Every structure is written in structure tokens, then in C-alpha cells.
């Protein structure tokens, strides 16, 4: 589905009703704009907090420090990157 919105002079955009419905957004809902690979993703703030809570719970259960967890995430991203692009050579 394609939706188009216009940016106002103040930099504001009205999210199309179909997008608001799909994300479960209502008046007062907060959203987060994530810049990933030159693209912007819109995520409900609650959804992002839930993701962080899962990682934080796993970190505590495994007794990892935040630095160790960051290192594991970097390693996993590198591995996935190599696997994804290995077939394209």
C-alpha cells in the first residue's frame, strides 16, 4: 500500500488514517522515527520500549554487562551482513 503525505512549512506531516490504524495510534500516541540504512522507520514508542525490555531482561538473566551485550550485537550484525551479501559476489 502506498500513502503520500505533504510536509508543512513547520515540518509537520499528517499520518494517513490507514497507517494510524495499522500502528494502533490514537490521539496522544507517541511514535519514534528510526533512521536505518538511509530509510526512516516509524515505530510506536511502546513497541520500542517492549523491545528494549526484552533485551534488558535477557542481559540480566545471562549476567552480561551492557558492553558485552553491545559486542554480541555487533558480532551478530556482522555475521548477518556477511551471510546476506555472500551470495551476491
Protein backbone atom coordinates (compact mmCIF):
# COMPACT_ATOMS: atom_id res chain seq x y z
CA UNK A 1 0.00 0.00 0.00
CA UNK A 2 1.27 3.46 -0.87
CA UNK A 3 0.36 6.57 1.09
CA UNK A 4 1.53 10.09 0.37
CA UNK A 5 1.66 12.93 2.88
CA UNK A 6 2.76 16.54 2.47
CA UNK A 7 5.28 18.19 4.78
CA UNK A 8 4.06 21.58 6.02
CA UNK A 9 6.23 24.68 6.37
CA UNK A 10 6.66 23.72 10.05
CA UNK A 11 7.91 20.25 9.11
CA UNK A 12 4.69 18.56 10.20
CA UNK A 13 3.10 15.58 8.50
CA UNK A 14 -0.34 14.05 8.99
CA UNK A 15 -0.08 10.28 9.06
CA UNK A 16 -2.66 8.70 6.78
CA UNK A 17 -5.59 7.06 8.59
CA UNK A 18 -4.63 3.61 7.29
CA UNK A 19 -1.13 3.95 8.80
CA UNK A 20 -2.52 5.18 12.13
CA UNK A 21 -4.95 2.28 12.21
CA UNK A 22 -2.27 -0.30 11.32
CA UNK A 23 0.05 1.03 14.05
CA UNK A 24 -2.77 1.37 16.56
CA UNK A 25 -2.14 5.10 17.02
CA UNK A 26 -4.63 7.32 18.76
CA UNK A 27 -4.64 10.91 19.91
CA UNK A 28 -1.65 11.42 22.21
CA UNK A 29 0.20 8.33 20.93
CA UNK A 30 3.95 8.77 20.69
CA UNK A 31 6.00 7.49 17.77
CA UNK A 32 9.72 7.10 17.21
CA UNK A 33 11.46 7.73 13.89
CA UNK A 34 14.35 5.32 13.36
CA UNK A 35 16.86 6.04 10.61
CA UNK A 36 18.06 2.70 9.27
CA UNK A 37 20.19 2.36 6.15
CA UNK A 38 19.12 5.67 4.67
CA UNK A 39 15.42 4.95 5.32
CA UNK A 40 13.11 6.05 8.10
CA UNK A 41 11.01 3.60 10.09
CA UNK A 42 8.08 4.68 12.25
CA UNK A 43 7.60 2.67 15.44
CA UNK A 44 5.19 3.11 18.33
CA UNK A 45 7.12 4.22 21.42
CA UNK A 46 5.56 1.38 23.45
CA UNK A 47 6.79 -1.16 20.90
CA UNK A 48 10.34 0.14 21.14
CA UNK A 49 10.21 0.08 24.93
CA UNK A 50 8.98 -3.53 24.82
CA UNK A 51 11.94 -4.49 22.60
CA UNK A 52 14.41 -2.82 24.97
CA UNK A 53 12.78 -4.54 27.94
CA UNK A 54 13.27 -7.95 26.30
CA UNK A 55 16.96 -7.26 25.70
CA UNK A 56 17.43 -5.88 29.19
CA UNK A 57 15.74 -8.95 30.73
CA UNK A 58 17.95 -11.28 28.67
CA UNK A 59 21.02 -9.28 29.65
CA UNK A 60 20.21 -9.63 33.34
CA UNK A 61 19.35 -13.33 33.04
CA UNK A 62 22.65 -14.06 31.31
CA UNK A 63 24.55 -11.68 33.61
CA UNK A 64 26.03 -9.78 30.69
CA UNK A 65 27.21 -6.23 31.04
CA UNK A 66 25.83 -3.72 28.58
CA UNK A 67 29.24 -3.53 26.91
CA UNK A 68 29.27 -7.31 26.44
CA UNK A 69 25.75 -7.25 25.01
CA UNK A 70 26.74 -4.46 22.60
CA UNK A 71 29.74 -6.55 21.46
CA UNK A 72 27.49 -9.58 20.84
CA UNK A 73 25.05 -7.45 18.86
CA UNK A 74 27.88 -6.01 16.72
CA UNK A 75 29.19 -9.52 16.10
CA UNK A 76 25.75 -10.82 15.14
CA UNK A 77 25.15 -7.89 12.78
CA UNK A 78 28.50 -8.51 11.08
CA UNK A 79 27.71 -12.21 10.70
CA UNK A 80 24.27 -11.48 9.24
CA UNK A 81 25.74 -8.88 6.89
CA UNK A 82 28.32 -11.37 5.59
CA UNK A 83 25.71 -14.11 5.19
CA UNK A 84 23.29 -11.78 3.41
CA UNK A 85 25.86 -10.43 0.94
CA UNK A 86 27.99 -13.57 0.49
CA UNK A 87 25.78 -14.82 -2.36
CA UNK A 88 25.93 -11.51 -4.22
CA UNK A 89 29.59 -11.67 -5.19
